[in-house]
Amino acid sequence: MTEYGKWAEQLTFDGEVFGADIVDAQYARCAGFDKIYAVNGLPQNYTDDLMRMAQVSDVPHSWRVKECKSLDEVTPEILALGREELARDRADYHANVITYFGEKAGNRLTFLAAGAVRDKLSRDFENKAFPVFSRIIVAPVQRNKGLGGLAVDHLIKILLNNYYGVKPKAIHFGTESEKILHSVEKTEREEDIKFVYIGDEILSTRDGDHTMHDFLCFTPWFQQEITAACGSLESHANSALLDRFKRDLVRFMQYGVKAVSGDNLEKLFNDLRNSAKATAPADALASLADVFTVRNKIGARDPR
């Protein structure tokens, strides 16, 4: 596994000290820099730059309060609303901003992009074992250089490397962008993981409601936990229901709603749980229930 998330380097911005990763040199070469640093945080003096960048995006996200075609269209009023949304994201969802800077010999660092990770799927559900990478913002002048893919790769890998201090059971993201999906594929191959489409949610932002496609990576160790939980229910629940549930759950974790209705799978689990005897292991049922709790907290339902 790539050793991102150790933050072995240190960078200082106006007296603020941050840990940093040096990102794969191939990304730096493609973007025209000697080095690219991933910084664990958002230096205060770059907050307004990030909020301006966030408005120049054709992909909806909570920091975008009004879609602008250029940085010049970002008025002071829009910028102020953007700062409010960033503060709300940090307070309500525990968003941690990861920033990316390019370095060339003899030049100051160039602010390239930013992403965010969270340990909350919703305002009322905090669980560090089910983290989220929630958005990618690239500076308009730096786009089409592979920096979006860099951020996707780095954010997934720091979450896999226990960013929140625990081994993640599943990692979530939602998107409207096909580009994100192509970027994710590279990381899937390198880390031997798979993000599956689990349904759609409605994202409400200041500039309207948007349908987002939700993806979830059931990590290999969480899949093992779920498989073991199913096995421990043998002789404690209706065998026909259990066999059907195990078959459909495996397909759902591998292929998502393209293979199995998530809504119907949840109904099947509720039937299975209701059939379970009093002697059924509570921890096994709790592990299986996590799958549906997470999906519901995300707000994902079968596509219409």
Protein backbone atom coordinates (compact mmCIF):
# COMPACT_ATOMS: atom_id res chain seq x y z
CA MET A 1 0.00 0.00 0.00
CA THR A 2 1.32 3.48 -0.88
CA GLU A 3 2.64 5.23 2.21
CA TYR A 4 0.68 8.45 1.89
CA GLY A 5 -0.57 9.99 5.10
CA LYS A 6 2.68 9.84 7.08
CA TRP A 7 3.15 13.63 6.59
CA ALA A 8 6.92 13.19 6.89
CA GLU A 9 7.68 16.62 5.39
CA GLN A 10 6.95 19.99 6.99
CA LEU A 11 5.89 23.20 5.26
CA THR A 12 5.38 26.60 6.86
CA PHE A 13 2.88 29.20 5.64
CA ASP A 14 2.94 32.57 7.44
CA GLY A 15 4.01 30.90 10.67
CA GLU A 16 1.58 27.97 10.37
CA VAL A 17 3.36 24.59 10.25
CA PHE A 18 1.78 21.67 8.39
CA GLY A 19 2.72 18.07 7.75
CA ALA A 20 3.04 17.16 4.08
CA ASP A 21 3.43 14.20 1.72
CA ILE A 22 5.53 14.36 -1.43
CA VAL A 23 3.25 13.06 -4.17
CA ASP A 24 4.26 10.58 -6.88
CA ALA A 25 6.80 12.26 -9.17
CA GLN A 26 4.85 11.23 -12.27
CA TYR A 27 2.04 13.59 -11.30
CA ALA A 28 4.54 16.42 -10.81
CA ARG A 29 6.11 15.86 -14.24
CA CYS A 30 2.71 15.83 -15.95
CA ALA A 31 1.75 19.09 -14.25
CA GLY A 32 5.10 20.76 -15.01
CA PHE A 33 6.52 20.92 -11.47
CA ASP A 34 9.63 19.55 -9.79
CA LYS A 35 7.62 18.42 -6.77
CA ILE A 36 4.04 18.41 -5.60
CA TYR A 37 3.24 18.46 -1.90
CA ALA A 38 0.01 17.28 -0.32
CA VAL A 39 -0.48 19.40 2.80
CA ASN A 40 -2.50 18.18 5.76
CA GLY A 41 -4.65 21.27 6.17
CA LEU A 42 -5.59 24.59 4.60
CA PRO A 43 -3.18 27.46 5.27
CA GLN A 44 -5.28 30.40 6.41
CA ASN A 45 -3.95 32.80 3.78
CA TYR A 46 -5.19 30.49 0.98
CA THR A 47 -8.81 30.26 2.17
CA ASP A 48 -10.11 32.96 -0.17
CA ASP A 49 -8.17 31.51 -3.12
CA LEU A 50 -9.81 28.15 -2.49
CA MET A 51 -13.29 29.63 -2.21
CA ARG A 52 -12.83 31.52 -5.49
CA MET A 53 -11.62 28.32 -7.19
CA ALA A 54 -14.61 26.44 -5.77
CA GLN A 55 -17.10 28.69 -7.58
CA VAL A 56 -15.53 28.04 -11.01
CA SER A 57 -16.79 24.48 -11.25
CA ASP A 58 -19.36 22.78 -13.50
CA VAL A 59 -19.76 20.02 -10.89
CA PRO A 60 -22.10 20.90 -7.98
CA HIS A 61 -20.76 20.72 -4.44
CA SER A 62 -21.61 22.39 -1.15
CA TRP A 63 -18.81 24.99 -1.37
CA ARG A 64 -20.12 26.23 -4.73
CA VAL A 65 -22.74 28.84 -3.89
CA LYS A 66 -23.00 30.13 -7.48
CA GLU A 67 -21.53 28.63 -10.63
CA CYS A 68 -19.11 31.13 -12.16
CA LYS A 69 -17.34 30.92 -15.51
CA SER A 70 -14.16 32.64 -14.31
CA LEU A 71 -12.51 33.86 -11.13
CA ASP A 72 -13.40 37.44 -12.14
CA GLU A 73 -17.10 36.59 -11.70
CA VAL A 74 -16.62 35.72 -8.02
CA THR A 75 -17.95 38.81 -6.24
CA PRO A 76 -17.18 39.70 -2.61
CA GLU A 77 -20.73 38.58 -1.73
CA ILE A 78 -20.22 35.16 -3.36
CA LEU A 79 -16.84 34.83 -1.66
CA ALA A 80 -18.38 35.58 1.75
CA LEU A 81 -21.06 32.93 1.21
CA GLY A 82 -18.38 30.46 0.16
CA ARG A 83 -16.50 31.06 3.40
CA GLU A 84 -19.74 30.45 5.32
CA GLU A 85 -20.21 27.11 3.55
CA LEU A 86 -16.64 26.06 4.31
CA ALA A 87 -17.13 26.93 7.99
CA ARG A 88 -20.42 24.99 8.05
CA ASP A 89 -18.79 21.97 6.38
CA ARG A 90 -16.06 21.98 9.00
CA ALA A 91 -18.45 22.42 11.94
CA ASP A 92 -21.29 20.12 10.85
CA TYR A 93 -19.39 17.42 8.93
CA HIS A 94 -15.85 17.66 10.36
CA ALA A 95 -14.41 18.38 6.91
CA ASN A 96 -10.61 18.32 6.85
CA VAL A 97 -9.15 20.17 3.87
CA ILE A 98 -6.09 18.70 2.15
CA THR A 99 -4.25 21.15 -0.13
CA TYR A 100 -1.79 20.57 -2.99
CA PHE A 101 1.13 22.83 -3.88
CA GLY A 102 3.60 22.67 -6.75
CA GLU A 103 7.27 23.55 -6.40
CA LYS A 104 9.74 24.70 -9.06
CA ALA A 105 13.36 25.56 -8.34
CA GLY A 106 13.69 29.22 -7.39
CA ASN A 107 9.95 29.89 -7.28
CA ARG A 108 7.46 30.13 -4.43
CA LEU A 109 4.96 27.31 -3.98
CA THR A 110 1.98 27.37 -6.35
CA PHE A 111 -1.48 26.53 -4.98
CA LEU A 112 -2.80 23.83 -7.31
CA ALA A 113 -5.80 22.09 -5.81
CA ALA A 114 -7.62 21.01 -2.68
CA GLY A 115 -9.76 18.13 -1.50
CA ALA A 116 -11.67 17.30 1.64
CA VAL A 117 -12.19 14.23 3.81
CA ARG A 118 -14.73 13.72 6.60
CA ASP A 119 -15.51 11.28 9.38
CA LYS A 120 -19.24 12.07 9.23
CA LEU A 121 -21.66 10.72 6.63
CA SER A 122 -24.35 13.11 7.85
CA ARG A 123 -24.74 15.72 10.57
CA ASP A 124 -25.91 13.06 13.02
CA PHE A 125 -23.67 10.13 12.06
CA GLU A 126 -20.00 10.22 12.99
CA ASN A 127 -18.00 7.02 12.56
CA LYS A 128 -14.31 7.08 11.76
CA ALA A 129 -14.56 3.59 10.23
CA PHE A 130 -16.78 4.99 7.45
CA PRO A 131 -14.94 8.05 6.11
CA VAL A 132 -15.77 10.19 3.07
CA PHE A 133 -13.74 12.02 0.49
CA SER A 134 -16.12 14.78 -0.33
CA ARG A 135 -14.80 17.02 -3.07
CA ILE A 136 -11.91 17.90 -5.38
CA ILE A 137 -11.22 21.50 -6.43
CA VAL A 138 -8.49 22.34 -8.97
CA ALA A 139 -7.37 25.90 -9.74
CA PRO A 140 -8.85 26.87 -13.15
CA VAL A 141 -5.45 27.68 -14.64
CA GLN A 142 -4.10 24.27 -13.53
CA ARG A 143 -6.86 22.09 -14.97
CA ASN A 144 -6.32 19.31 -17.53
CA LYS A 145 -2.94 18.43 -16.02
CA GLY A 146 -3.99 15.35 -14.06
CA LEU A 147 -4.29 17.16 -10.74
CA GLY A 148 -7.85 15.99 -10.11
CA GLY A 149 -6.62 12.41 -10.47
CA LEU A 150 -3.71 13.16 -8.16
CA ALA A 151 -6.06 14.42 -5.43
CA VAL A 152 -8.45 11.48 -5.81
CA ASP A 153 -5.57 9.00 -5.57
CA HIS A 154 -4.02 10.72 -2.56
CA LEU A 155 -7.28 11.15 -0.62
CA ILE A 156 -8.32 7.52 -1.04
CA LYS A 157 -4.89 6.31 0.00
CA ILE A 158 -4.66 8.43 3.15
CA LEU A 159 -8.08 7.11 4.18
CA LEU A 160 -6.96 3.53 3.53
CA ASN A 161 -3.86 4.30 5.63
CA ASN A 162 -6.01 5.04 8.70
CA TYR A 163 -6.21 8.84 8.43
CA TYR A 164 -8.71 8.87 11.29
CA GLY A 165 -6.74 6.48 13.46
CA VAL A 166 -8.83 3.39 12.71
CA LYS A 167 -8.92 0.90 9.87
CA PRO A 168 -11.72 2.00 7.54
CA LYS A 169 -14.53 -0.47 6.87
CA ALA A 170 -15.91 1.40 3.87
CA ILE A 171 -15.07 4.66 2.06
CA HIS A 172 -17.73 6.81 0.43
CA PHE A 173 -17.88 9.47 -2.24
CA GLY A 174 -20.67 10.99 -4.33
CA THR A 175 -20.26 12.60 -7.72
CA GLU A 176 -21.81 13.73 -10.99
CA SER A 177 -18.44 13.67 -12.75
CA GLU A 178 -17.30 10.87 -15.05
CA LYS A 179 -13.72 12.20 -14.71
CA ILE A 180 -13.70 11.26 -11.03
CA LEU A 181 -14.67 7.68 -11.88
CA HIS A 182 -11.76 7.35 -14.32
CA SER A 183 -9.37 8.66 -11.67
CA VAL A 184 -10.72 6.21 -9.10
CA GLU A 185 -10.05 3.26 -11.42
CA LYS A 186 -6.27 3.80 -11.22
CA THR A 187 -6.32 3.68 -7.42
CA GLU A 188 -8.59 0.63 -7.44
CA ARG A 189 -6.05 -1.28 -9.52
CA GLU A 190 -3.10 -0.25 -7.35
CA GLU A 191 -4.80 -0.97 -4.01
CA ASP A 192 -6.90 -3.99 -5.08
CA ILE A 193 -10.15 -2.38 -3.98
CA LYS A 194 -13.44 -1.61 -5.70
CA PHE A 195 -15.91 1.27 -5.42
CA VAL A 196 -19.44 0.19 -6.33
CA TYR A 197 -22.45 2.30 -7.24
CA ILE A 198 -24.92 2.00 -4.35
CA GLY A 199 -27.64 4.45 -5.46
CA ASP A 200 -28.48 8.13 -5.79
CA GLU A 201 -29.00 10.94 -3.31
CA ILE A 202 -30.27 14.51 -3.57
CA LEU A 203 -27.62 17.08 -2.66
CA SER A 204 -29.14 20.38 -1.58
CA THR A 205 -26.84 23.37 -2.00
CA ARG A 206 -27.25 27.13 -2.16
CA ASP A 207 -27.50 26.92 -5.94
CA GLY A 208 -30.19 24.22 -5.99
CA ASP A 209 -30.83 20.49 -5.62
CA HIS A 210 -28.69 18.02 -7.55
CA THR A 211 -28.83 14.26 -8.05
CA MET A 212 -25.55 12.69 -6.98
CA HIS A 213 -24.39 9.15 -7.72
CA ASP A 214 -23.12 7.43 -4.57
CA PHE A 215 -20.19 5.02 -4.45
CA LEU A 216 -18.92 2.88 -1.60
CA CYS A 217 -15.75 0.84 -1.26
CA PHE A 218 -16.27 -2.15 1.01
CA THR A 219 -12.69 -2.74 2.10
CA PRO A 220 -11.43 -6.33 1.87
CA TRP A 221 -11.24 -6.66 5.68
CA PHE A 222 -14.82 -5.38 6.08
CA GLN A 223 -16.01 -7.88 3.49
CA GLN A 224 -14.33 -10.62 5.53
CA GLU A 225 -16.08 -9.36 8.66
CA ILE A 226 -19.44 -9.40 6.87
CA THR A 227 -18.87 -12.89 5.49
CA ALA A 228 -17.97 -14.14 8.97
CA ALA A 229 -21.09 -12.47 10.38
CA CYS A 230 -23.27 -14.31 7.86
CA GLY A 231 -21.58 -17.59 8.77
CA SER A 232 -22.18 -17.09 12.49
CA LEU A 233 -25.93 -16.79 11.85
CA GLU A 234 -26.19 -20.36 10.58
CA SER A 235 -28.56 -22.31 12.83
CA HIS A 236 -29.75 -19.00 14.34
CA ALA A 237 -31.92 -17.71 11.48
CA ASN A 238 -34.13 -18.94 8.64
CA SER A 239 -31.74 -20.89 6.40
CA ALA A 240 -33.50 -20.07 3.12
CA LEU A 241 -33.49 -16.36 3.94
CA LEU A 242 -29.85 -16.50 5.01
CA ASP A 243 -28.73 -18.26 1.82
CA ARG A 244 -30.53 -15.73 -0.35
CA PHE A 245 -29.24 -12.82 1.68
CA LYS A 246 -25.61 -14.01 1.54
CA ARG A 247 -25.81 -14.48 -2.24
CA ASP A 248 -27.33 -11.04 -2.86
CA LEU A 249 -25.07 -9.26 -0.38
CA VAL A 250 -21.92 -10.63 -2.04
CA ARG A 251 -23.19 -9.46 -5.44
CA PHE A 252 -24.09 -6.05 -3.99
CA MET A 253 -20.59 -5.57 -2.53
CA GLN A 254 -19.05 -6.56 -5.86
CA TYR A 255 -21.37 -4.81 -8.33
CA GLY A 256 -23.71 -2.53 -6.37
CA VAL A 257 -27.19 -1.63 -7.57
CA LYS A 258 -26.29 -2.65 -11.11
CA ALA A 259 -26.69 -6.23 -9.89
CA VAL A 260 -28.89 -6.09 -6.77
CA SER A 261 -31.47 -3.60 -5.56
CA GLY A 262 -30.10 -2.01 -2.41
CA ASP A 263 -33.62 -1.20 -1.22
CA ASN A 264 -34.75 -4.81 -1.63
CA LEU A 265 -31.57 -6.12 0.01
CA GLU A 266 -32.33 -4.02 3.09
CA LYS A 267 -35.86 -5.45 3.25
CA LEU A 268 -34.39 -8.95 2.99
CA PHE A 269 -32.00 -8.19 5.85
CA ASN A 270 -34.87 -6.96 8.03
CA ASP A 271 -36.76 -10.21 7.31
CA LEU A 272 -33.64 -12.19 8.18
CA ARG A 273 -33.11 -10.27 11.41
CA ASN A 274 -36.74 -10.79 12.40
CA SER A 275 -36.35 -14.51 11.80
CA ALA A 276 -33.26 -14.73 14.02
CA LYS A 277 -33.50 -16.54 17.32
CA ALA A 278 -32.71 -14.91 20.64
CA THR A 279 -29.43 -16.83 20.61
CA ALA A 280 -28.24 -15.15 17.39
CA PRO A 281 -24.90 -13.32 17.91
CA ALA A 282 -25.67 -9.62 18.39
CA ASP A 283 -22.29 -8.54 16.99
CA ALA A 284 -22.97 -10.41 13.73
CA LEU A 285 -26.32 -8.70 13.26
CA ALA A 286 -24.74 -5.34 14.11
CA SER A 287 -22.01 -5.80 11.47
CA LEU A 288 -24.60 -6.58 8.81
CA ALA A 289 -26.81 -3.70 9.92
CA ASP A 290 -23.84 -1.34 9.40
CA VAL A 291 -24.14 -1.85 5.63
CA PHE A 292 -27.66 -0.43 5.60
CA THR A 293 -27.11 2.20 8.27
CA VAL A 294 -24.29 3.64 6.18
CA ARG A 295 -26.34 3.59 2.98
CA ASN A 296 -29.26 5.30 4.72
CA LYS A 297 -27.07 7.95 6.34
CA ILE A 298 -25.59 8.73 2.95
CA GLY A 299 -29.14 9.08 1.65
CA ALA A 300 -28.62 6.63 -1.20
CA ARG A 301 -31.64 4.96 -2.79
CA ASP A 302 -32.03 2.84 -5.91
CA PRO A 303 -31.89 4.98 -9.06
CA ARG A 304 -35.28 5.84 -10.52
